[in-house]
Protein backbone atom coordinates (compact mmCIF):
# COMPACT_ATOMS: atom_id res chain seq x y z
CA MET A 1 -17.95 -5.03 6.10
CA THR A 2 -18.90 -4.62 2.48
CA ARG A 3 -16.47 -3.53 -0.18
CA ASN A 4 -18.32 -0.22 -0.52
CA GLN A 5 -18.12 0.47 3.22
CA CYS A 6 -14.39 -0.24 3.15
CA GLY A 7 -13.96 2.19 0.24
CA VAL A 8 -15.88 4.88 2.11
CA GLN A 9 -13.68 4.42 5.18
CA ILE A 10 -10.50 4.61 3.10
CA ALA A 11 -11.77 7.77 1.38
CA ALA A 12 -12.59 9.27 4.77
CA LEU A 13 -9.08 8.41 5.98
CA GLY A 14 -7.62 10.20 2.95
CA LEU A 15 -9.66 13.32 3.55
CA SER A 16 -8.79 13.22 7.24
CA VAL A 17 -5.08 12.90 6.44
CA PHE A 18 -5.28 15.94 4.18
CA ALA A 19 -7.17 17.93 6.82
CA VAL A 20 -4.63 17.03 9.48
CA VAL A 21 -1.70 17.98 7.26
CA GLN A 22 -3.31 21.33 6.55
CA SER A 23 -4.21 22.05 10.20
CA ALA A 24 -2.49 21.65 13.53
CA PRO A 25 -2.01 17.91 14.19
CA ALA A 26 -2.73 18.31 17.90
CA GLN A 27 -6.19 19.72 17.17
CA ALA A 28 -7.11 16.97 14.73
CA GLN A 29 -5.82 14.04 16.79
CA GLY A 30 -9.03 13.92 18.79
CA LYS A 31 -11.08 13.76 15.60
CA ASN A 32 -9.23 10.92 13.85
CA PRO A 33 -6.17 9.52 15.59
CA ARG A 34 -5.23 7.24 12.65
CA ALA A 35 -5.28 10.16 10.23
CA ALA A 36 -3.25 12.26 12.66
CA ALA A 37 -0.65 9.50 12.96
CA VAL A 38 -0.41 9.15 9.17
CA ALA A 39 -0.24 12.91 8.68
CA GLN A 40 2.50 13.30 11.26
CA ALA A 41 4.54 10.40 9.87
CA CYS A 42 3.91 11.36 6.24
CA ARG A 43 4.06 15.16 6.28
CA SER A 44 7.19 15.41 4.11
CA ASP A 45 6.11 12.49 1.89
CA LEU A 46 2.72 14.12 1.29
CA ASN A 47 4.42 17.41 0.43
CA GLN A 48 6.86 15.65 -1.89
CA TYR A 49 4.56 13.21 -3.71
CA CYS A 50 1.00 14.47 -3.25
CA ALA A 51 1.24 18.27 -3.02
CA GLY A 52 -0.86 18.86 -6.13
CA VAL A 53 -3.50 16.25 -5.34
CA GLN A 54 -7.02 17.60 -4.82
CA PRO A 55 -8.50 16.16 -1.60
CA GLY A 56 -11.68 14.14 -1.66
CA GLY A 57 -12.78 10.95 -3.32
CA GLY A 58 -9.87 9.01 -1.86
CA ARG A 59 -7.29 10.82 -4.00
CA ILE A 60 -4.84 11.44 -1.12
CA VAL A 61 -4.92 7.77 -0.14
CA ALA A 62 -4.56 6.79 -3.81
CA CYS A 63 -1.53 9.06 -4.11
CA LEU A 64 0.10 7.55 -1.04
CA LYS A 65 -0.69 4.06 -2.31
CA ALA A 66 0.74 4.86 -5.77
CA ASN A 67 3.95 6.11 -4.15
CA GLU A 68 4.08 3.49 -1.40
CA GLY A 69 7.47 2.17 -2.53
CA LYS A 70 8.98 5.66 -2.31
CA LEU A 71 7.56 6.62 1.10
CA SER A 72 9.79 6.96 4.13
CA ALA A 73 9.82 3.96 6.47
CA GLY A 74 7.81 5.78 9.15
CA CYS A 75 5.20 6.93 6.66
CA GLN A 76 4.90 3.48 5.11
CA SER A 77 4.40 1.92 8.51
CA ALA A 78 1.75 4.44 9.60
CA PHE A 79 -0.05 4.30 6.26
CA VAL A 80 -0.18 0.49 6.13
CA SER A 81 -1.31 0.34 9.76
CA ALA A 82 -4.10 2.87 9.13
CA ARG A 83 -5.28 1.02 6.03
CA LYS A 84 -5.40 -2.26 7.96
CA SER A 85 -7.35 -0.59 10.76
CA SER A 86 -9.81 0.93 8.26
CA ALA A 87 -10.39 -2.44 6.62
CA GLN A 88 -11.43 -4.06 9.91
């Protein structure tokens, strides 16, 4: 996988996470299970650290990454797992 393809997948994950947080997680799980898992685990973290972040262009993922040290243990675990899966 090229670096550009990896970046596109990470950006898509960020947009999916935002969409899942904004909609019902059960509906979005079928669309992107990794994003649904991150959104469920990170709901309060996203509200606390990334509430004002405009979705798109990987900004949600960048926000989570920038605040990775502050994220709850469950959110950190889900986020790191999703990033590893996206990189493969």
